[in-house]
């Protein structure tokens, strides 16, 4: 993900859509992803996550908040 955020910044991307299965088996790594997003994503990058079948427990309120 860090590389994706770096590429978004280099290419001046302002919208990143992650479609399905952000996590392989569980939400155990959500906090790690959230921290990485806050630390590494460009400030003007909006990230949208479309949950997949492995992301069933991911609720809208749990998705990335404002930086």
C-alpha atoms as a PDB file:
ATOM      1  CA  UNK A   1       0.000   0.000   0.000  1.00  0.00           C
ATOM      2  CA  UNK A   2       2.825   2.393   0.771  1.00  0.00           C
ATOM      3  CA  UNK A   3       4.053   1.990  -2.831  1.00  0.00           C
ATOM      4  CA  UNK A   4       0.548   2.649  -4.160  1.00  0.00           C
ATOM      5  CA  UNK A   5       0.322   5.844  -2.095  1.00  0.00           C
ATOM      6  CA  UNK A   6       3.748   6.906  -3.390  1.00  0.00           C
ATOM      7  CA  UNK A   7       2.675   6.312  -6.989  1.00  0.00           C
ATOM      8  CA  UNK A   8      -0.557   8.240  -6.410  1.00  0.00           C
ATOM      9  CA  UNK A   9       1.480  11.189  -5.211  1.00  0.00           C
ATOM     10  CA  UNK A  10       3.939  11.010  -8.133  1.00  0.00           C
ATOM     11  CA  UNK A  11       1.112  10.800 -10.656  1.00  0.00           C
ATOM     12  CA  UNK A  12      -0.956  13.453  -8.854  1.00  0.00           C
ATOM     13  CA  UNK A  13      -3.864  11.052  -8.402  1.00  0.00           C
ATOM     14  CA  UNK A  14      -6.600  12.494  -6.212  1.00  0.00           C
ATOM     15  CA  UNK A  15      -8.937   9.469  -5.986  1.00  0.00           C
ATOM     16  CA  UNK A  16      -8.001   5.874  -5.107  1.00  0.00           C
ATOM     17  CA  UNK A  17     -10.687   3.198  -5.294  1.00  0.00           C
ATOM     18  CA  UNK A  18      -9.952  -0.144  -3.660  1.00  0.00           C
ATOM     19  CA  UNK A  19     -12.545  -2.608  -4.944  1.00  0.00           C
ATOM     20  CA  UNK A  20     -13.114  -5.707  -2.883  1.00  0.00           C
ATOM     21  CA  UNK A  21     -11.180  -7.723  -0.363  1.00  0.00           C
ATOM     22  CA  UNK A  22      -8.978  -5.182   1.325  1.00  0.00           C
ATOM     23  CA  UNK A  23      -8.312  -7.971   3.834  1.00  0.00           C
ATOM     24  CA  UNK A  24      -7.716 -11.628   3.047  1.00  0.00           C
ATOM     25  CA  UNK A  25      -9.376 -13.339   5.991  1.00  0.00           C
ATOM     26  CA  UNK A  26     -10.303 -10.935   8.752  1.00  0.00           C
ATOM     27  CA  UNK A  27     -10.229  -7.351   9.889  1.00  0.00           C
ATOM     28  CA  UNK A  28      -7.262  -8.053  12.150  1.00  0.00           C
ATOM     29  CA  UNK A  29      -5.074  -5.750  10.081  1.00  0.00           C
ATOM     30  CA  UNK A  30      -7.531  -2.867   9.653  1.00  0.00           C
ATOM     31  CA  UNK A  31      -5.838  -0.699  12.302  1.00  0.00           C
ATOM     32  CA  UNK A  32      -2.498  -1.276  10.577  1.00  0.00           C
ATOM     33  CA  UNK A  33      -3.975  -0.226   7.219  1.00  0.00           C
ATOM     34  CA  UNK A  34      -5.654   2.813   8.752  1.00  0.00           C
ATOM     35  CA  UNK A  35      -2.374   3.930  10.341  1.00  0.00           C
ATOM     36  CA  UNK A  36      -0.486   3.393   7.071  1.00  0.00           C
ATOM     37  CA  UNK A  37      -3.119   5.418   5.217  1.00  0.00           C
ATOM     38  CA  UNK A  38      -2.868   8.316   7.650  1.00  0.00           C
ATOM     39  CA  UNK A  39       0.935   8.303   7.615  1.00  0.00           C
ATOM     40  CA  UNK A  40       1.669   7.594   3.938  1.00  0.00           C
ATOM     41  CA  UNK A  41      -1.137   8.744   1.683  1.00  0.00           C
ATOM     42  CA  UNK A  42      -0.895  12.145   0.011  1.00  0.00           C
ATOM     43  CA  UNK A  43      -2.934  14.797   1.845  1.00  0.00           C
ATOM     44  CA  UNK A  44      -5.252  15.421  -1.115  1.00  0.00           C
ATOM     45  CA  UNK A  45      -5.878  11.721  -1.898  1.00  0.00           C
ATOM     46  CA  UNK A  46      -9.425  10.548  -1.273  1.00  0.00           C
ATOM     47  CA  UNK A  47      -9.633   6.790  -0.720  1.00  0.00           C
ATOM     48  CA  UNK A  48     -12.826   4.834  -1.331  1.00  0.00           C
ATOM     49  CA  UNK A  49     -13.082   1.200  -0.246  1.00  0.00           C
ATOM     50  CA  UNK A  50     -15.731  -1.044  -1.779  1.00  0.00           C
ATOM     51  CA  UNK A  51     -15.808  -3.998   0.632  1.00  0.00           C
ATOM     52  CA  UNK A  52     -15.545  -7.525  -0.764  1.00  0.00           C
ATOM     53  CA  UNK A  53     -16.749 -10.826   0.663  1.00  0.00           C
ATOM     54  CA  UNK A  54     -13.772 -11.026   3.075  1.00  0.00           C
ATOM     55  CA  UNK A  55     -14.541  -7.530   4.375  1.00  0.00           C
ATOM     56  CA  UNK A  56     -17.986  -8.358   5.751  1.00  0.00           C
ATOM     57  CA  UNK A  57     -17.305  -6.896   9.191  1.00  0.00           C
ATOM     58  CA  UNK A  58     -16.062  -3.610   7.735  1.00  0.00           C
ATOM     59  CA  UNK A  59     -18.712  -0.986   8.400  1.00  0.00           C
ATOM     60  CA  UNK A  60     -18.836   2.470   6.876  1.00  0.00           C
ATOM     61  CA  UNK A  61     -18.115   4.036  10.248  1.00  0.00           C
ATOM     62  CA  UNK A  62     -14.909   2.011  10.466  1.00  0.00           C
ATOM     63  CA  UNK A  63     -13.596   3.214   7.132  1.00  0.00           C
ATOM     64  CA  UNK A  64     -10.978   5.877   6.815  1.00  0.00           C
ATOM     65  CA  UNK A  65     -11.742   9.091   8.581  1.00  0.00           C
ATOM     66  CA  UNK A  66     -10.482  12.519   7.775  1.00  0.00           C
ATOM     67  CA  UNK A  67      -6.776  13.096   8.205  1.00  0.00           C
END
